[in-house]
Amino acid sequence: LRSYAMGWFRQAPGKEREFVSGVSWSGGITSYS
C-alpha cells in the first residue's frame, strides 16, 4: 500500500455512498467529513 492513498466510505440503505475519511500514502495528510 506504500503507493496508495486510502479512503474510508460508508453507505446506509437507500443513501449514497459518502466519504468518511482519507489518508495520503505517506500517512501525513488526513481528511475527514
PDB file of all heavy atoms in Angstrom:
ATOM      1  N   LEU A   1       0.808  -1.219   0.000  1.00  0.00           N
ATOM      2  CA  LEU A   1       0.000   0.000   0.000  1.00  0.00           C
ATOM      3  C   LEU A   1       0.841   1.268   0.000  1.00  0.00           C
ATOM      4  O   LEU A   1       0.302   2.370   0.082  1.00  0.00           O
ATOM      5  CB  LEU A   1      -0.933   0.021   1.219  1.00  0.00           C
ATOM      6  CG  LEU A   1      -2.126  -0.931   1.177  1.00  0.00           C
ATOM      7  CD1 LEU A   1      -2.967  -0.732   2.425  1.00  0.00           C
ATOM      8  CD2 LEU A   1      -2.952  -0.722  -0.072  1.00  0.00           C
ATOM      9  N   ARG A   2       2.153   1.097  -0.107  1.00  0.00           N
ATOM     10  CA  ARG A   2       3.012   2.269   0.038  1.00  0.00           C
ATOM     11  C   ARG A   2       2.794   3.328  -1.027  1.00  0.00           C
ATOM     12  O   ARG A   2       3.150   4.483  -0.817  1.00  0.00           O
ATOM     13  CB  ARG A   2       4.476   1.838   0.044  1.00  0.00           C
ATOM     14  CG  ARG A   2       4.857   1.040   1.269  1.00  0.00           C
ATOM     15  CD  ARG A   2       6.340   0.701   1.285  1.00  0.00           C
ATOM     16  NE  ARG A   2       6.660  -0.210   2.378  1.00  0.00           N
ATOM     17  CZ  ARG A   2       6.904   0.176   3.617  1.00  0.00           C
ATOM     18  NH1 ARG A   2       6.851   1.461   3.913  1.00  0.00           N
ATOM     19  NH2 ARG A   2       7.176  -0.706   4.558  1.00  0.00           N
ATOM     20  N   SER A   3       2.217   2.959  -2.150  1.00  0.00           N
ATOM     21  CA  SER A   3       1.952   3.941  -3.205  1.00  0.00           C
ATOM     22  C   SER A   3       0.471   4.181  -3.406  1.00  0.00           C
ATOM     23  O   SER A   3       0.044   4.608  -4.478  1.00  0.00           O
ATOM     24  CB  SER A   3       2.579   3.466  -4.523  1.00  0.00           C
ATOM     25  OG  SER A   3       3.967   3.409  -4.415  1.00  0.00           O
ATOM     26  N   TYR A   4      -0.313   3.926  -2.357  1.00  0.00           N
ATOM     27  CA  TYR A   4      -1.758   4.085  -2.478  1.00  0.00           C
ATOM     28  C   TYR A   4      -2.286   5.050  -1.426  1.00  0.00           C
ATOM     29  O   TYR A   4      -2.030   4.872  -0.231  1.00  0.00           O
ATOM     30  CB  TYR A   4      -2.471   2.742  -2.310  1.00  0.00           C
ATOM     31  CG  TYR A   4      -2.261   1.791  -3.460  1.00  0.00           C
ATOM     32  CD1 TYR A   4      -1.119   0.995  -3.530  1.00  0.00           C
ATOM     33  CD2 TYR A   4      -3.197   1.694  -4.480  1.00  0.00           C
ATOM     34  CE1 TYR A   4      -0.921   0.128  -4.589  1.00  0.00           C
ATOM     35  CE2 TYR A   4      -3.014   0.823  -5.540  1.00  0.00           C
ATOM     36  CZ  TYR A   4      -1.876   0.048  -5.581  1.00  0.00           C
ATOM     37  OH  TYR A   4      -1.688  -0.813  -6.636  1.00  0.00           O
ATOM     38  N   ALA A   5      -3.037   6.036  -1.887  1.00  0.00           N
ATOM     39  CA  ALA A   5      -3.852   6.802  -0.959  1.00  0.00           C
ATOM     40  C   ALA A   5      -5.038   5.929  -0.577  1.00  0.00           C
ATOM     41  O   ALA A   5      -5.521   5.130  -1.396  1.00  0.00           O
ATOM     42  CB  ALA A   5      -4.335   8.090  -1.615  1.00  0.00           C
ATOM     43  N   MET A   6      -5.502   6.065   0.641  1.00  0.00           N
ATOM     44  CA  MET A   6      -6.577   5.215   1.133  1.00  0.00           C
ATOM     45  C   MET A   6      -7.750   6.056   1.609  1.00  0.00           C
ATOM     46  O   MET A   6      -7.573   7.186   2.083  1.00  0.00           O
ATOM     47  CB  MET A   6      -6.079   4.348   2.283  1.00  0.00           C
ATOM     48  CG  MET A   6      -4.926   3.439   1.921  1.00  0.00           C
ATOM     49  SD  MET A   6      -5.356   2.219   0.670  1.00  0.00           S
ATOM     50  CE  MET A   6      -6.577   1.243   1.570  1.00  0.00           C
ATOM     51  N   GLY A   7      -8.920   5.475   1.506  1.00  0.00           N
ATOM     52  CA  GLY A   7     -10.108   6.163   1.969  1.00  0.00           C
ATOM     53  C   GLY A   7     -11.075   5.216   2.635  1.00  0.00           C
ATOM     54  O   GLY A   7     -11.058   4.007   2.375  1.00  0.00           O
ATOM     55  N   TRP A   8     -11.865   5.764   3.520  1.00  0.00           N
ATOM     56  CA  TRP A   8     -12.995   5.042   4.116  1.00  0.00           C
ATOM     57  C   TRP A   8     -14.271   5.746   3.659  1.00  0.00           C
ATOM     58  O   TRP A   8     -14.373   6.973   3.727  1.00  0.00           O
ATOM     59  CB  TRP A   8     -12.929   5.047   5.634  1.00  0.00           C
ATOM     60  CG  TRP A   8     -11.940   4.096   6.221  1.00  0.00           C
ATOM     61  CD1 TRP A   8     -10.674   4.376   6.659  1.00  0.00           C
ATOM     62  CD2 TRP A   8     -12.139   2.694   6.474  1.00  0.00           C
ATOM     63  NE1 TRP A   8     -10.075   3.240   7.148  1.00  0.00           N
ATOM     64  CE2 TRP A   8     -10.964   2.188   7.050  1.00  0.00           C
ATOM     65  CE3 TRP A   8     -13.206   1.812   6.258  1.00  0.00           C
ATOM     66  CZ2 TRP A   8     -10.799   0.857   7.413  1.00  0.00           C
ATOM     67  CZ3 TRP A   8     -13.053   0.487   6.626  1.00  0.00           C
ATOM     68  CH2 TRP A   8     -11.863   0.011   7.186  1.00  0.00           C
ATOM     69  N   PHE A   9     -15.227   4.932   3.238  1.00  0.00           N
ATOM     70  CA  PHE A   9     -16.530   5.427   2.826  1.00  0.00           C
ATOM     71  C   PHE A   9     -17.594   4.634   3.563  1.00  0.00           C
ATOM     72  O   PHE A   9     -17.325   3.556   4.079  1.00  0.00           O
ATOM     73  CB  PHE A   9     -16.717   5.274   1.308  1.00  0.00           C
ATOM     74  CG  PHE A   9     -15.829   6.177   0.504  1.00  0.00           C
ATOM     75  CD1 PHE A   9     -14.485   5.874   0.325  1.00  0.00           C
ATOM     76  CD2 PHE A   9     -16.322   7.337  -0.063  1.00  0.00           C
ATOM     77  CE1 PHE A   9     -13.649   6.707  -0.408  1.00  0.00           C
ATOM     78  CE2 PHE A   9     -15.499   8.180  -0.802  1.00  0.00           C
ATOM     79  CZ  PHE A   9     -14.161   7.861  -0.964  1.00  0.00           C
ATOM     80  N   ARG A  10     -18.791   5.152   3.577  1.00  0.00           N
ATOM     81  CA  ARG A  10     -19.883   4.412   4.188  1.00  0.00           C
ATOM     82  C   ARG A  10     -21.147   4.593   3.357  1.00  0.00           C
ATOM     83  O   ARG A  10     -21.299   5.584   2.643  1.00  0.00           O
ATOM     84  CB  ARG A  10     -20.116   4.845   5.632  1.00  0.00           C
ATOM     85  CG  ARG A  10     -20.633   6.269   5.810  1.00  0.00           C
ATOM     86  CD  ARG A  10     -20.669   6.617   7.287  1.00  0.00           C
ATOM     87  NE  ARG A  10     -21.216   7.953   7.515  1.00  0.00           N
ATOM     88  CZ  ARG A  10     -21.244   8.535   8.711  1.00  0.00           C
ATOM     89  NH1 ARG A  10     -20.738   7.916   9.770  1.00  0.00           N
ATOM     90  NH2 ARG A  10     -21.779   9.740   8.832  1.00  0.00           N
ATOM     91  N   GLN A  11     -22.014   3.620   3.488  1.00  0.00           N
ATOM     92  CA  GLN A  11     -23.268   3.668   2.757  1.00  0.00           C
ATOM     93  C   GLN A  11     -24.357   3.027   3.587  1.00  0.00           C
ATOM     94  O   GLN A  11     -24.238   1.861   3.977  1.00  0.00           O
ATOM     95  CB  GLN A  11     -23.139   2.968   1.400  1.00  0.00           C
ATOM     96  CG  GLN A  11     -24.350   3.143   0.513  1.00  0.00           C
ATOM     97  CD  GLN A  11     -24.088   2.705  -0.918  1.00  0.00           C
ATOM     98  OE1 GLN A  11     -23.156   1.963  -1.203  1.00  0.00           O
ATOM     99  NE2 GLN A  11     -24.908   3.194  -1.846  1.00  0.00           N
ATOM    100  N   ALA A  12     -25.385   3.796   3.847  1.00  0.00           N
ATOM    101  CA  ALA A  12     -26.548   3.295   4.561  1.00  0.00           C
ATOM    102  C   ALA A  12     -27.624   2.932   3.537  1.00  0.00           C
ATOM    103  O   ALA A  12     -27.625   3.453   2.420  1.00  0.00           O
ATOM    104  CB  ALA A  12     -27.070   4.356   5.529  1.00  0.00           C
ATOM    105  N   PRO A  13     -28.552   2.043   3.898  1.00  0.00           N
ATOM    106  CA  PRO A  13     -29.608   1.646   2.959  1.00  0.00           C
ATOM    107  C   PRO A  13     -30.368   2.852   2.422  1.00  0.00           C
ATOM    108  O   PRO A  13     -30.795   3.729   3.188  1.00  0.00           O
ATOM    109  CB  PRO A  13     -30.501   0.749   3.807  1.00  0.00           C
ATOM    110  CG  PRO A  13     -29.596   0.198   4.839  1.00  0.00           C
ATOM    111  CD  PRO A  13     -28.630   1.302   5.159  1.00  0.00           C
ATOM    112  N   GLY A  14     -30.513   2.902   1.115  1.00  0.00           N
ATOM    113  CA  GLY A  14     -31.264   3.986   0.496  1.00  0.00           C
ATOM    114  C   GLY A  14     -30.513   5.289   0.365  1.00  0.00           C
ATOM    115  O   GLY A  14     -31.067   6.279  -0.104  1.00  0.00           O
ATOM    116  N   LYS A  15     -29.249   5.290   0.767  1.00  0.00           N
ATOM    117  CA  LYS A  15     -28.454   6.512   0.696  1.00  0.00           C
ATOM    118  C   LYS A  15     -27.250   6.306  -0.200  1.00  0.00           C
ATOM    119  O   LYS A  15     -26.818   5.183  -0.453  1.00  0.00           O
ATOM    120  CB  LYS A  15     -28.010   6.951   2.087  1.00  0.00           C
ATOM    121  CG  LYS A  15     -29.160   7.345   2.998  1.00  0.00           C
ATOM    122  CD  LYS A  15     -28.637   7.946   4.292  1.00  0.00           C
ATOM    123  CE  LYS A  15     -29.778   8.417   5.175  1.00  0.00           C
ATOM    124  NZ  LYS A  15     -29.285   9.028   6.441  1.00  0.00           N
ATOM    125  N   GLU A  16     -26.682   7.415  -0.648  1.00  0.00           N
ATOM    126  CA  GLU A  16     -25.499   7.338  -1.487  1.00  0.00           C
ATOM    127  C   GLU A  16     -24.264   7.042  -0.639  1.00  0.00           C
ATOM    128  O   GLU A  16     -24.219   7.330   0.552  1.00  0.00           O
ATOM    129  CB  GLU A  16     -25.309   8.661  -2.233  1.00  0.00           C
ATOM    130  CG  GLU A  16     -26.396   8.967  -3.241  1.00  0.00           C
ATOM    131  CD  GLU A  16     -26.082  10.199  -4.056  1.00  0.00           C
ATOM    132  OE1 GLU A  16     -25.083  10.875  -3.762  1.00  0.00           O
ATOM    133  OE2 GLU A  16     -26.840  10.487  -5.005  1.00  0.00           O
ATOM    134  N   ARG A  17     -23.272   6.486  -1.294  1.00  0.00           N
ATOM    135  CA  ARG A  17     -22.009   6.251  -0.619  1.00  0.00           C
ATOM    136  C   ARG A  17     -21.368   7.604  -0.313  1.00  0.00           C
ATOM    137  O   ARG A  17     -21.294   8.477  -1.176  1.00  0.00           O
ATOM    138  CB  ARG A  17     -21.094   5.423  -1.503  1.00  0.00           C
ATOM    139  CG  ARG A  17     -19.806   4.987  -0.850  1.00  0.00           C
ATOM    140  CD  ARG A  17     -19.115   3.917  -1.666  1.00  0.00           C
ATOM    141  NE  ARG A  17     -19.925   2.707  -1.755  1.00  0.00           N
ATOM    142  CZ  ARG A  17     -19.494   1.543  -2.237  1.00  0.00           C
ATOM    143  NH1 ARG A  17     -18.258   1.453  -2.685  1.00  0.00           N
ATOM    144  NH2 ARG A  17     -20.292   0.497  -2.293  1.00  0.00           N
ATOM    145  N   GLU A  18     -20.895   7.762   0.911  1.00  0.00           N
ATOM    146  CA  GLU A  18     -20.327   9.033   1.302  1.00  0.00           C
ATOM    147  C   GLU A  18     -18.924   8.877   1.872  1.00  0.00           C
ATOM    148  O   GLU A  18     -18.596   7.870   2.496  1.00  0.00           O
ATOM    149  CB  GLU A  18     -21.226   9.745   2.322  1.00  0.00           C
ATOM    150  CG  GLU A  18     -21.342   9.068   3.660  1.00  0.00           C
ATOM    151  CD  GLU A  18     -22.074   9.929   4.687  1.00  0.00           C
ATOM    152  OE1 GLU A  18     -22.428  11.076   4.383  1.00  0.00           O
ATOM    153  OE2 GLU A  18     -22.277   9.434   5.812  1.00  0.00           O
ATOM    154  N   PHE A  19     -18.146   9.894   1.643  1.00  0.00           N
ATOM    155  CA  PHE A  19     -16.783   9.945   2.147  1.00  0.00           C
ATOM    156  C   PHE A  19     -16.794  10.060   3.666  1.00  0.00           C
ATOM    157  O   PHE A  19     -17.565  10.835   4.241  1.00  0.00           O
ATOM    158  CB  PHE A  19     -16.067  11.144   1.527  1.00  0.00           C
ATOM    159  CG  PHE A  19     -14.715  11.444   2.092  1.00  0.00           C
ATOM    160  CD1 PHE A  19     -13.611  10.698   1.704  1.00  0.00           C
ATOM    161  CD2 PHE A  19     -14.542  12.458   3.005  1.00  0.00           C
ATOM    162  CE1 PHE A  19     -12.356  10.978   2.212  1.00  0.00           C
ATOM    163  CE2 PHE A  19     -13.292  12.754   3.521  1.00  0.00           C
ATOM    164  CZ  PHE A  19     -12.200  12.007   3.124  1.00  0.00           C
ATOM    165  N   VAL A  20     -15.934   9.294   4.304  1.00  0.00           N
ATOM    166  CA  VAL A  20     -15.764   9.373   5.748  1.00  0.00           C
ATOM    167  C   VAL A  20     -14.404   9.973   6.089  1.00  0.00           C
ATOM    168  O   VAL A  20     -14.312  10.949   6.825  1.00  0.00           O
ATOM    169  CB  VAL A  20     -15.908   7.990   6.396  1.00  0.00           C
ATOM    170  CG1 VAL A  20     -15.598   8.057   7.889  1.00  0.00           C
ATOM    171  CG2 VAL A  20     -17.305   7.422   6.148  1.00  0.00           C
ATOM    172  N   SER A  21     -13.363   9.367   5.515  1.00  0.00           N
ATOM    173  CA  SER A  21     -12.017   9.823   5.845  1.00  0.00           C
ATOM    174  C   SER A  21     -11.043   9.348   4.781  1.00  0.00           C
ATOM    175  O   SER A  21     -11.278   8.331   4.125  1.00  0.00           O
ATOM    176  CB  SER A  21     -11.598   9.288   7.213  1.00  0.00           C
ATOM    177  OG  SER A  21     -10.311   9.745   7.575  1.00  0.00           O
ATOM    178  N   GLY A  22      -9.956  10.088   4.623  1.00  0.00           N
ATOM    179  CA  GLY A  22      -8.924   9.712   3.673  1.00  0.00           C
ATOM    180  C   GLY A  22      -7.549   9.983   4.250  1.00  0.00           C
ATOM    181  O   GLY A  22      -7.387  10.820   5.141  1.00  0.00           O
ATOM    182  N   VAL A  23      -6.564   9.257   3.742  1.00  0.00           N
ATOM    183  CA  VAL A  23      -5.187   9.440   4.200  1.00  0.00           C
ATOM    184  C   VAL A  23      -4.241   9.267   3.029  1.00  0.00           C
ATOM    185  O   VAL A  23      -4.435   8.394   2.176  1.00  0.00           O
ATOM    186  CB  VAL A  23      -4.858   8.466   5.351  1.00  0.00           C
ATOM    187  CG1 VAL A  23      -4.988   7.016   4.905  1.00  0.00           C
ATOM    188  CG2 VAL A  23      -3.468   8.715   5.918  1.00  0.00           C
ATOM    189  N   SER A  24      -3.243  10.118   2.978  1.00  0.00           N
ATOM    190  CA  SER A  24      -2.230  10.006   1.930  1.00  0.00           C
ATOM    191  C   SER A  24      -1.371   8.764   2.163  1.00  0.00           C
ATOM    192  O   SER A  24      -1.369   8.201   3.259  1.00  0.00           O
ATOM    193  CB  SER A  24      -1.348  11.251   1.947  1.00  0.00           C
ATOM    194  OG  SER A  24      -0.669  11.350   3.192  1.00  0.00           O
ATOM    195  N   TRP A  25      -0.609   8.361   1.127  1.00  0.00           N
ATOM    196  CA  TRP A  25       0.147   7.124   1.330  1.00  0.00           C
ATOM    197  C   TRP A  25       1.287   7.320   2.314  1.00  0.00           C
ATOM    198  O   TRP A  25       1.752   6.373   2.937  1.00  0.00           O
ATOM    199  CB  TRP A  25       0.590   6.495   0.021  1.00  0.00           C
ATOM    200  CG  TRP A  25       1.634   7.156  -0.842  1.00  0.00           C
ATOM    201  CD1 TRP A  25       1.432   7.745  -2.049  1.00  0.00           C
ATOM    202  CD2 TRP A  25       3.055   7.214  -0.618  1.00  0.00           C
ATOM    203  NE1 TRP A  25       2.610   8.180  -2.587  1.00  0.00           N
ATOM    204  CE2 TRP A  25       3.634   7.865  -1.735  1.00  0.00           C
ATOM    205  CE3 TRP A  25       3.905   6.782   0.406  1.00  0.00           C
ATOM    206  CZ2 TRP A  25       5.006   8.090  -1.849  1.00  0.00           C
ATOM    207  CZ3 TRP A  25       5.271   7.011   0.291  1.00  0.00           C
ATOM    208  CH2 TRP A  25       5.804   7.662  -0.824  1.00  0.00           C
ATOM    209  N   SER A  26       1.718   8.543   2.480  1.00  0.00           N
ATOM    210  CA  SER A  26       2.738   8.809   3.491  1.00  0.00           C
ATOM    211  C   SER A  26       2.164   8.770   4.898  1.00  0.00           C
ATOM    212  O   SER A  26       2.894   8.646   5.879  1.00  0.00           O
ATOM    213  CB  SER A  26       3.355  10.185   3.253  1.00  0.00           C
ATOM    214  OG  SER A  26       2.408  11.205   3.546  1.00  0.00           O
ATOM    215  N   GLY A  27       0.839   8.903   4.997  1.00  0.00           N
ATOM    216  CA  GLY A  27       0.201   8.968   6.307  1.00  0.00           C
ATOM    217  C   GLY A  27       0.191  10.347   6.910  1.00  0.00           C
ATOM    218  O   GLY A  27      -0.426  10.581   7.940  1.00  0.00           O
ATOM    219  N   GLY A  28       0.851  11.280   6.248  1.00  0.00           N
ATOM    220  CA  GLY A  28       0.997  12.605   6.823  1.00  0.00           C
ATOM    221  C   GLY A  28      -0.178  13.536   6.601  1.00  0.00           C
ATOM    222  O   GLY A  28      -0.330  14.527   7.308  1.00  0.00           O
ATOM    223  N   ILE A  29      -1.013  13.225   5.662  1.00  0.00           N
ATOM    224  CA  ILE A  29      -2.160  14.069   5.349  1.00  0.00           C
ATOM    225  C   ILE A  29      -3.439  13.263   5.543  1.00  0.00           C
ATOM    226  O   ILE A  29      -3.577  12.161   4.999  1.00  0.00           O
ATOM    227  CB  ILE A  29      -2.111  14.581   3.898  1.00  0.00           C
ATOM    228  CG1 ILE A  29      -0.788  15.300   3.625  1.00  0.00           C
ATOM    229  CG2 ILE A  29      -3.293  15.515   3.623  1.00  0.00           C
ATOM    230  CD1 ILE A  29      -0.565  16.546   4.443  1.00  0.00           C
ATOM    231  N   THR A  30      -4.353  13.799   6.338  1.00  0.00           N
ATOM    232  CA  THR A  30      -5.625  13.131   6.575  1.00  0.00           C
ATOM    233  C   THR A  30      -6.768  14.115   6.340  1.00  0.00           C
ATOM    234  O   THR A  30      -6.587  15.337   6.400  1.00  0.00           O
ATOM    235  CB  THR A  30      -5.724  12.582   8.005  1.00  0.00           C
ATOM    236  OG1 THR A  30      -5.568  13.664   8.934  1.00  0.00           O
ATOM    237  CG2 THR A  30      -4.659  11.533   8.263  1.00  0.00           C
ATOM    238  N   SER A  31      -7.923  13.563   6.078  1.00  0.00           N
ATOM    239  CA  SER A  31      -9.114  14.370   5.856  1.00  0.00           C
ATOM    240  C   SER A  31     -10.318  13.642   6.406  1.00  0.00           C
ATOM    241  O   SER A  31     -10.362  12.402   6.382  1.00  0.00           O
ATOM    242  CB  SER A  31      -9.292  14.630   4.351  1.00  0.00           C
ATOM    243  OG  SER A  31     -10.460  15.396   4.106  1.00  0.00           O
ATOM    244  N   TYR A  32     -11.287  14.413   6.901  1.00  0.00           N
ATOM    245  CA  TYR A  32     -12.481  13.839   7.484  1.00  0.00           C
ATOM    246  C   TYR A  32     -13.714  14.594   7.002  1.00  0.00           C
ATOM    247  O   TYR A  32     -13.665  15.801   6.747  1.00  0.00           O
ATOM    248  CB  TYR A  32     -12.429  13.914   9.007  1.00  0.00           C
ATOM    249  CG  TYR A  32     -11.259  13.186   9.609  1.00  0.00           C
ATOM    250  CD1 TYR A  32     -10.052  13.830   9.850  1.00  0.00           C
ATOM    251  CD2 TYR A  32     -11.361  11.840   9.930  1.00  0.00           C
ATOM    252  CE1 TYR A  32      -8.966  13.158  10.376  1.00  0.00           C
ATOM    253  CE2 TYR A  32     -10.286  11.152  10.471  1.00  0.00           C
ATOM    254  CZ  TYR A  32      -9.095  11.818  10.690  1.00  0.00           C
ATOM    255  OH  TYR A  32      -8.038  11.137  11.214  1.00  0.00           O
ATOM    256  N   SER A  33     -14.809  13.875   6.918  1.00  0.00           N
ATOM    257  CA  SER A  33     -16.058  14.554   6.642  1.00  0.00           C
ATOM    258  C   SER A  33     -16.476  15.320   7.895  1.00  0.00           C
ATOM    259  O   SER A  33     -16.074  14.986   9.014  1.00  0.00           O
ATOM    260  CB  SER A  33     -17.147  13.558   6.250  1.00  0.00           C
ATOM    261  OG  SER A  33     -17.631  12.868   7.387  1.00  0.00           O
TER     262      SER A  33
END
